[in-house]
Amino acid sequence: MKYNEEEMLQFAEKLGRLLQAQDVIVLTGELGAGKTTFTKGLALGLDIHQMVKSPTYTIVRSLEGRLTLHHMDVYRVGDDPDSFDLDDYLFGDGVSVIEWGELLGADLPKYYLEVVFDKYAPELVSEETRAIRLIPHGKRYEELISQL
């Protein structure tokens, strides 16, 4: 799929409307590829109207809406994923969105939806467009994709 910023926000908002408690979304891609922008759309779909910004230095920001959105940026966690209590967020009553989640490796849950951003894909026609690929890890996320 190819999206400009507005289309990406609309797509992510639609996905956000389908999310349930304990859903996990892992965002991967280059710096500036659109991970935080995508999270803004998810927040709108969860009826969150607070400012969404990357939690690069705080690791986790929780925002309240229809469900709590736990927005994580684990880039700075490095080799120490135990430096914050990931399980509290993953298995609570909210939705977890993890930027740079691939860095967690084996500490990722077994089931999640991976959203891969590529701002350098050869088929893109402008610098404002991003290629996005959805990779379901588990039946719940296969079903979620089929609803989109």
N, C-alpha and C. Protein backbone atom coordinates (compact mmCIF):
# COMPACT_ATOMS: atom_id res chain seq x y z
N MET A 1 0.85 -1.17 0.00
CA MET A 1 0.00 0.00 0.00
C MET A 1 0.89 1.23 0.00
N LYS A 2 0.45 2.26 -0.70
CA LYS A 2 1.19 3.52 -0.75
C LYS A 2 0.28 4.64 -0.25
N TYR A 3 0.80 5.44 0.67
CA TYR A 3 0.00 6.51 1.26
C TYR A 3 0.79 7.79 1.39
N ASN A 4 0.09 8.92 1.18
CA ASN A 4 0.66 10.19 1.61
C ASN A 4 0.24 10.38 3.08
N GLU A 5 0.64 11.47 3.69
CA GLU A 5 0.39 11.64 5.13
C GLU A 5 -1.09 11.61 5.47
N GLU A 6 -1.92 12.32 4.72
CA GLU A 6 -3.35 12.36 5.00
C GLU A 6 -3.99 10.98 4.84
N GLU A 7 -3.64 10.27 3.79
CA GLU A 7 -4.17 8.92 3.57
C GLU A 7 -3.72 7.96 4.66
N MET A 8 -2.47 8.12 5.12
CA MET A 8 -1.96 7.26 6.19
C MET A 8 -2.73 7.51 7.48
N LEU A 9 -3.00 8.78 7.79
CA LEU A 9 -3.78 9.10 8.98
C LEU A 9 -5.17 8.47 8.91
N GLN A 10 -5.81 8.56 7.76
CA GLN A 10 -7.16 8.00 7.58
C GLN A 10 -7.14 6.48 7.72
N PHE A 11 -6.14 5.83 7.12
CA PHE A 11 -6.03 4.37 7.21
C PHE A 11 -5.80 3.95 8.66
N ALA A 12 -4.88 4.63 9.34
CA ALA A 12 -4.58 4.29 10.74
C ALA A 12 -5.78 4.55 11.64
N GLU A 13 -6.55 5.60 11.37
CA GLU A 13 -7.75 5.86 12.16
C GLU A 13 -8.75 4.72 12.00
N LYS A 14 -8.91 4.24 10.77
CA LYS A 14 -9.81 3.10 10.52
C LYS A 14 -9.34 1.88 11.30
N LEU A 15 -8.04 1.61 11.28
CA LEU A 15 -7.48 0.50 12.06
C LEU A 15 -7.73 0.72 13.55
N GLY A 16 -7.51 1.94 14.02
CA GLY A 16 -7.72 2.25 15.44
C GLY A 16 -9.13 1.97 15.91
N ARG A 17 -10.10 2.17 15.04
CA ARG A 17 -11.51 1.90 15.40
C ARG A 17 -11.77 0.41 15.61
N LEU A 18 -10.92 -0.43 15.05
CA LEU A 18 -11.08 -1.89 15.16
C LEU A 18 -10.30 -2.50 16.32
N LEU A 19 -9.45 -1.72 16.95
CA LEU A 19 -8.57 -2.28 17.98
C LEU A 19 -9.33 -2.59 19.27
N GLN A 20 -8.81 -3.60 19.96
CA GLN A 20 -9.38 -4.07 21.23
C GLN A 20 -8.28 -4.06 22.29
N ALA A 21 -8.71 -4.16 23.55
CA ALA A 21 -7.75 -4.23 24.65
C ALA A 21 -6.76 -5.36 24.41
N GLN A 22 -5.52 -5.12 24.70
CA GLN A 22 -4.38 -6.03 24.59
C GLN A 22 -3.91 -6.24 23.16
N ASP A 23 -4.44 -5.47 22.20
CA ASP A 23 -3.87 -5.52 20.86
C ASP A 23 -2.50 -4.86 20.89
N VAL A 24 -1.59 -5.40 20.09
CA VAL A 24 -0.22 -4.89 20.03
C VAL A 24 0.11 -4.59 18.57
N ILE A 25 0.56 -3.37 18.32
CA ILE A 25 0.96 -2.94 16.99
C ILE A 25 2.44 -2.59 17.07
N VAL A 26 3.25 -3.21 16.22
CA VAL A 26 4.69 -2.97 16.19
C VAL A 26 4.99 -2.20 14.90
N LEU A 27 5.60 -1.03 15.05
CA LEU A 27 5.91 -0.17 13.91
C LEU A 27 7.40 -0.23 13.61
N THR A 28 7.74 -0.59 12.39
CA THR A 28 9.15 -0.67 12.01
C THR A 28 9.38 0.17 10.75
N GLY A 29 10.56 0.71 10.64
CA GLY A 29 10.92 1.51 9.48
C GLY A 29 11.97 2.54 9.83
N GLU A 30 12.49 3.17 8.80
CA GLU A 30 13.56 4.14 8.99
C GLU A 30 13.10 5.34 9.81
N LEU A 31 14.05 6.08 10.32
CA LEU A 31 13.78 7.34 11.00
C LEU A 31 13.04 8.25 10.02
N GLY A 32 11.94 8.83 10.46
CA GLY A 32 11.17 9.72 9.59
C GLY A 32 10.26 9.02 8.60
N ALA A 33 10.04 7.74 8.78
CA ALA A 33 9.22 6.98 7.82
C ALA A 33 7.73 7.14 8.05
N GLY A 34 7.31 7.64 9.22
CA GLY A 34 5.89 7.85 9.47
C GLY A 34 5.31 7.11 10.65
N LYS A 35 6.15 6.55 11.50
CA LYS A 35 5.66 5.75 12.63
C LYS A 35 4.80 6.59 13.58
N THR A 36 5.28 7.77 13.94
CA THR A 36 4.51 8.60 14.86
C THR A 36 3.26 9.16 14.18
N THR A 37 3.34 9.50 12.92
CA THR A 37 2.16 9.96 12.18
C THR A 37 1.09 8.86 12.17
N PHE A 38 1.51 7.64 11.93
CA PHE A 38 0.59 6.51 11.94
C PHE A 38 -0.07 6.39 13.31
N THR A 39 0.71 6.56 14.37
CA THR A 39 0.18 6.47 15.73
C THR A 39 -0.85 7.56 15.98
N LYS A 40 -0.67 8.74 15.40
CA LYS A 40 -1.66 9.81 15.53
C LYS A 40 -3.00 9.36 14.96
N GLY A 41 -2.97 8.67 13.82
CA GLY A 41 -4.20 8.15 13.24
C GLY A 41 -4.85 7.08 14.11
N LEU A 42 -4.01 6.18 14.65
CA LEU A 42 -4.54 5.16 15.57
C LEU A 42 -5.23 5.83 16.76
N ALA A 43 -4.60 6.87 17.30
CA ALA A 43 -5.16 7.60 18.45
C ALA A 43 -6.54 8.17 18.09
N LEU A 44 -6.67 8.74 16.91
CA LEU A 44 -7.98 9.27 16.50
C LEU A 44 -9.02 8.16 16.45
N GLY A 45 -8.63 6.99 15.98
CA GLY A 45 -9.54 5.85 15.94
C GLY A 45 -9.91 5.33 17.32
N LEU A 46 -9.10 5.66 18.31
CA LEU A 46 -9.38 5.29 19.70
C LEU A 46 -10.04 6.44 20.46
N ASP A 47 -10.49 7.46 19.72
CA ASP A 47 -11.14 8.65 20.30
C ASP A 47 -10.22 9.39 21.26
N ILE A 48 -8.96 9.48 20.90
CA ILE A 48 -7.97 10.24 21.67
C ILE A 48 -7.69 11.52 20.89
N HIS A 49 -7.84 12.65 21.56
CA HIS A 49 -7.65 13.92 20.88
C HIS A 49 -6.53 14.74 21.52
N GLN A 50 -5.71 14.10 22.34
CA GLN A 50 -4.53 14.74 22.90
C GLN A 50 -3.43 14.75 21.85
N MET A 51 -2.42 15.59 22.06
CA MET A 51 -1.28 15.62 21.15
C MET A 51 -0.51 14.31 21.25
N VAL A 52 -0.20 13.73 20.11
CA VAL A 52 0.61 12.51 20.06
C VAL A 52 1.99 12.91 19.56
N LYS A 53 2.99 12.63 20.38
CA LYS A 53 4.36 12.87 19.96
C LYS A 53 5.20 11.67 20.36
N SER A 54 6.30 11.49 19.69
CA SER A 54 7.12 10.31 19.95
C SER A 54 7.66 10.33 21.38
N PRO A 55 7.53 9.22 22.09
CA PRO A 55 8.05 9.14 23.46
C PRO A 55 9.52 8.71 23.50
N THR A 56 10.33 9.27 22.63
CA THR A 56 11.72 8.85 22.48
C THR A 56 12.47 8.85 23.81
N TYR A 57 12.31 9.89 24.60
CA TYR A 57 13.09 9.99 25.84
C TYR A 57 12.35 9.46 27.06
N THR A 58 11.02 9.40 26.99
CA THR A 58 10.26 8.89 28.12
C THR A 58 9.96 7.40 27.99
N ILE A 59 10.21 6.81 26.86
CA ILE A 59 9.97 5.41 26.50
C ILE A 59 8.48 5.13 26.30
N VAL A 60 7.61 5.54 27.24
CA VAL A 60 6.17 5.25 27.12
C VAL A 60 5.36 6.50 27.45
N ARG A 61 4.36 6.76 26.62
CA ARG A 61 3.35 7.78 26.91
C ARG A 61 2.00 7.08 26.81
N SER A 62 1.18 7.23 27.83
CA SER A 62 -0.16 6.64 27.82
C SER A 62 -1.18 7.75 27.64
N LEU A 63 -2.08 7.54 26.68
CA LEU A 63 -3.11 8.51 26.35
C LEU A 63 -4.47 7.86 26.50
N GLU A 64 -5.41 8.60 27.07
CA GLU A 64 -6.74 8.05 27.38
C GLU A 64 -7.75 8.35 26.27
N GLY A 65 -8.53 7.32 25.93
CA GLY A 65 -9.61 7.44 24.97
C GLY A 65 -10.57 6.29 25.18
N ARG A 66 -11.17 5.80 24.10
CA ARG A 66 -12.04 4.62 24.20
C ARG A 66 -11.30 3.49 24.88
N LEU A 67 -10.03 3.35 24.53
CA LEU A 67 -9.08 2.47 25.22
C LEU A 67 -7.83 3.30 25.46
N THR A 68 -7.06 2.93 26.46
CA THR A 68 -5.79 3.62 26.69
C THR A 68 -4.81 3.20 25.61
N LEU A 69 -4.12 4.16 25.05
CA LEU A 69 -3.08 3.91 24.06
C LEU A 69 -1.73 4.05 24.76
N HIS A 70 -0.98 2.96 24.82
CA HIS A 70 0.37 2.97 25.37
C HIS A 70 1.30 3.08 24.18
N HIS A 71 1.82 4.28 23.96
CA HIS A 71 2.68 4.56 22.82
C HIS A 71 4.12 4.47 23.30
N MET A 72 4.86 3.51 22.76
CA MET A 72 6.23 3.25 23.21
C MET A 72 7.22 3.49 22.08
N ASP A 73 8.37 3.98 22.45
CA ASP A 73 9.50 4.09 21.52
C ASP A 73 10.66 3.40 22.22
N VAL A 74 11.01 2.21 21.74
CA VAL A 74 12.03 1.41 22.43
C VAL A 74 13.42 1.54 21.81
N TYR A 75 13.59 2.54 20.95
CA TYR A 75 14.89 2.73 20.31
C TYR A 75 16.01 2.88 21.34
N ARG A 76 15.76 3.61 22.40
CA ARG A 76 16.78 3.89 23.42
C ARG A 76 16.88 2.80 24.49
N VAL A 77 15.98 1.82 24.45
CA VAL A 77 16.02 0.74 25.44
C VAL A 77 17.24 -0.14 25.22
N GLY A 78 17.62 -0.31 23.96
CA GLY A 78 18.82 -1.08 23.63
C GLY A 78 18.72 -2.52 24.06
N ASP A 79 19.76 -3.01 24.69
CA ASP A 79 19.83 -4.41 25.10
C ASP A 79 19.16 -4.67 26.44
N ASP A 80 18.43 -3.70 26.97
CA ASP A 80 17.86 -3.86 28.30
C ASP A 80 16.35 -3.63 28.30
N PRO A 81 15.58 -4.54 27.66
CA PRO A 81 14.13 -4.36 27.63
C PRO A 81 13.49 -4.46 29.01
N ASP A 82 14.23 -4.95 29.99
CA ASP A 82 13.70 -5.02 31.35
C ASP A 82 13.80 -3.68 32.07
N SER A 83 14.31 -2.66 31.39
CA SER A 83 14.44 -1.34 32.01
C SER A 83 13.07 -0.68 32.23
N PHE A 84 12.03 -1.22 31.61
CA PHE A 84 10.66 -0.80 31.90
C PHE A 84 9.79 -2.05 31.86
N ASP A 85 8.64 -2.01 32.51
CA ASP A 85 7.81 -3.20 32.66
C ASP A 85 6.86 -3.35 31.46
N LEU A 86 7.39 -3.89 30.38
CA LEU A 86 6.65 -4.07 29.14
C LEU A 86 5.36 -4.86 29.35
N ASP A 87 5.41 -5.90 30.14
CA ASP A 87 4.23 -6.76 30.35
C ASP A 87 3.04 -5.99 30.93
N ASP A 88 3.30 -5.01 31.78
CA ASP A 88 2.20 -4.22 32.34
C ASP A 88 1.39 -3.54 31.25
N TYR A 89 2.06 -3.12 30.20
CA TYR A 89 1.38 -2.46 29.10
C TYR A 89 0.74 -3.47 28.16
N LEU A 90 1.46 -4.52 27.82
CA LEU A 90 0.97 -5.50 26.85
C LEU A 90 -0.25 -6.26 27.32
N PHE A 91 -0.31 -6.55 28.62
CA PHE A 91 -1.37 -7.41 29.13
C PHE A 91 -2.36 -6.65 30.00
N GLY A 92 -2.40 -5.33 29.84
CA GLY A 92 -3.36 -4.50 30.57
C GLY A 92 -4.63 -4.29 29.77
N ASP A 93 -5.32 -3.21 30.06
CA ASP A 93 -6.61 -2.93 29.43
C ASP A 93 -6.51 -2.05 28.19
N GLY A 94 -5.31 -1.70 27.78
CA GLY A 94 -5.16 -0.79 26.66
C GLY A 94 -4.60 -1.45 25.42
N VAL A 95 -4.22 -0.61 24.47
CA VAL A 95 -3.60 -0.99 23.21
C VAL A 95 -2.14 -0.54 23.29
N SER A 96 -1.22 -1.38 22.85
CA SER A 96 0.20 -1.03 22.85
C SER A 96 0.68 -0.82 21.42
N VAL A 97 1.30 0.32 21.19
CA VAL A 97 1.93 0.63 19.91
C VAL A 97 3.41 0.82 20.20
N ILE A 98 4.24 0.01 19.55
CA ILE A 98 5.67 -0.01 19.85
C ILE A 98 6.47 0.42 18.63
N GLU A 99 7.01 1.64 18.68
CA GLU A 99 7.91 2.09 17.62
C GLU A 99 9.27 1.42 17.83
N TRP A 100 9.89 1.00 16.73
CA TRP A 100 11.17 0.29 16.76
C TRP A 100 11.04 -1.04 17.48
N GLY A 101 9.85 -1.63 17.48
CA GLY A 101 9.58 -2.86 18.21
C GLY A 101 10.46 -4.03 17.81
N GLU A 102 10.94 -4.03 16.57
CA GLU A 102 11.80 -5.13 16.13
C GLU A 102 13.06 -5.24 16.98
N LEU A 103 13.44 -4.14 17.65
CA LEU A 103 14.62 -4.16 18.50
C LEU A 103 14.42 -5.00 19.76
N LEU A 104 13.17 -5.31 20.09
CA LEU A 104 12.90 -6.11 21.29
C LEU A 104 13.14 -7.60 21.04
N GLY A 105 13.19 -8.02 19.78
CA GLY A 105 13.49 -9.41 19.45
C GLY A 105 12.59 -10.39 20.17
N ALA A 106 13.19 -11.28 20.95
CA ALA A 106 12.46 -12.34 21.64
C ALA A 106 11.55 -11.81 22.74
N ASP A 107 11.71 -10.54 23.13
CA ASP A 107 10.86 -9.96 24.16
C ASP A 107 9.51 -9.47 23.62
N LEU A 108 9.36 -9.50 22.30
CA LEU A 108 8.05 -9.18 21.73
C LEU A 108 7.06 -10.28 22.07
N PRO A 109 5.77 -9.93 22.19
CA PRO A 109 4.79 -11.00 22.41
C PRO A 109 4.71 -11.89 21.18
N LYS A 110 4.10 -13.03 21.33
CA LYS A 110 3.99 -13.98 20.23
C LYS A 110 3.06 -13.47 19.13
N TYR A 111 2.02 -12.75 19.51
CA TYR A 111 1.01 -12.31 18.57
C TYR A 111 0.96 -10.78 18.52
N TYR A 112 1.04 -10.23 17.31
CA TYR A 112 0.96 -8.77 17.13
C TYR A 112 0.81 -8.47 15.65
N LEU A 113 0.48 -7.22 15.37
CA LEU A 113 0.43 -6.75 13.98
C LEU A 113 1.66 -5.89 13.75
N GLU A 114 2.44 -6.26 12.75
CA GLU A 114 3.62 -5.48 12.40
C GLU A 114 3.28 -4.59 11.21
N VAL A 115 3.61 -3.31 11.34
CA VAL A 115 3.40 -2.35 10.27
C VAL A 115 4.79 -1.87 9.86
N VAL A 116 5.16 -2.18 8.61
CA VAL A 116 6.49 -1.86 8.10
C VAL A 116 6.38 -0.66 7.16
N PHE A 117 7.15 0.38 7.45
CA PHE A 117 7.16 1.61 6.66
C PHE A 117 8.42 1.65 5.82
N ASP A 118 8.26 2.08 4.57
CA ASP A 118 9.43 2.23 3.69
C ASP A 118 9.30 3.55 2.94
N LYS A 119 10.16 4.48 3.29
CA LYS A 119 10.12 5.77 2.59
C LYS A 119 11.03 5.81 1.38
N TYR A 120 11.75 4.70 1.12
CA TYR A 120 12.66 4.64 -0.01
C TYR A 120 12.26 3.60 -1.05
N ALA A 121 11.06 3.06 -0.96
CA ALA A 121 10.62 2.04 -1.91
C ALA A 121 10.68 2.60 -3.33
N PRO A 122 11.21 1.82 -4.28
CA PRO A 122 11.40 2.33 -5.64
C PRO A 122 10.10 2.74 -6.35
N GLU A 123 8.98 2.17 -5.95
CA GLU A 123 7.72 2.48 -6.63
C GLU A 123 7.07 3.78 -6.15
N LEU A 124 7.64 4.44 -5.14
CA LEU A 124 7.05 5.67 -4.63
C LEU A 124 7.29 6.82 -5.60
N VAL A 125 6.27 7.66 -5.75
CA VAL A 125 6.35 8.72 -6.74
C VAL A 125 6.79 10.06 -6.16
N SER A 126 6.77 10.19 -4.83
CA SER A 126 7.20 11.45 -4.22
C SER A 126 7.79 11.19 -2.84
N GLU A 127 8.48 12.19 -2.34
CA GLU A 127 9.09 12.08 -1.00
C GLU A 127 8.04 12.06 0.10
N GLU A 128 6.83 12.49 -0.19
CA GLU A 128 5.76 12.54 0.81
C GLU A 128 4.98 11.23 0.90
N THR A 129 5.27 10.29 0.04
CA THR A 129 4.55 9.02 0.01
C THR A 129 5.36 7.94 0.72
N ARG A 130 4.64 7.05 1.40
CA ARG A 130 5.28 5.93 2.09
C ARG A 130 4.64 4.63 1.65
N ALA A 131 5.47 3.61 1.51
CA ALA A 131 4.96 2.27 1.28
C ALA A 131 4.76 1.64 2.66
N ILE A 132 3.62 1.01 2.85
CA ILE A 132 3.29 0.38 4.13
C ILE A 132 2.89 -1.06 3.87
N ARG A 133 3.44 -1.95 4.68
CA ARG A 133 3.13 -3.38 4.57
C ARG A 133 2.65 -3.84 5.94
N LEU A 134 1.55 -4.59 5.97
CA LEU A 134 1.01 -5.16 7.20
C LEU A 134 1.38 -6.63 7.27
N ILE A 135 1.97 -7.04 8.40
CA ILE A 135 2.37 -8.43 8.59
C ILE A 135 1.68 -8.94 9.87
N PRO A 136 0.68 -9.80 9.72
CA PRO A 136 0.01 -10.32 10.91
C PRO A 136 0.81 -11.44 11.56
N HIS A 137 0.90 -11.40 12.86
CA HIS A 137 1.51 -12.47 13.64
C HIS A 137 0.40 -13.02 14.53
N GLY A 138 -0.34 -13.98 14.01
CA GLY A 138 -1.43 -14.59 14.76
C GLY A 138 -2.78 -14.35 14.11
N LYS A 139 -3.71 -15.24 14.44
CA LYS A 139 -5.05 -15.23 13.85
C LYS A 139 -5.80 -13.93 14.10
N ARG A 140 -5.71 -13.39 15.30
CA ARG A 140 -6.40 -12.12 15.61
C ARG A 140 -6.02 -11.04 14.60
N TYR A 141 -4.75 -10.99 14.26
CA TYR A 141 -4.26 -9.93 13.38
C TYR A 141 -4.54 -10.23 11.92
N GLU A 142 -4.66 -11.49 11.56
CA GLU A 142 -5.12 -11.86 10.21
C GLU A 142 -6.56 -11.37 10.04
N GLU A 143 -7.40 -11.60 11.06
CA GLU A 143 -8.78 -11.18 11.02
C GLU A 143 -8.90 -9.65 10.99
N LEU A 144 -8.05 -9.00 11.75
CA LEU A 144 -8.04 -7.54 11.79
C LEU A 144 -7.75 -6.97 10.39
N ILE A 145 -6.76 -7.51 9.73
CA ILE A 145 -6.41 -7.06 8.38
C ILE A 145 -7.56 -7.30 7.41
N SER A 146 -8.24 -8.43 7.56
CA SER A 146 -9.36 -8.74 6.65
C SER A 146 -10.51 -7.73 6.80
N GLN A 147 -10.62 -7.09 7.96
CA GLN A 147 -11.66 -6.09 8.20
C GLN A 147 -11.33 -4.74 7.59
N LEU A 148 -10.08 -4.57 7.21
CA LEU A 148 -9.68 -3.28 6.63
C LEU A 148 -9.98 -3.27 5.15
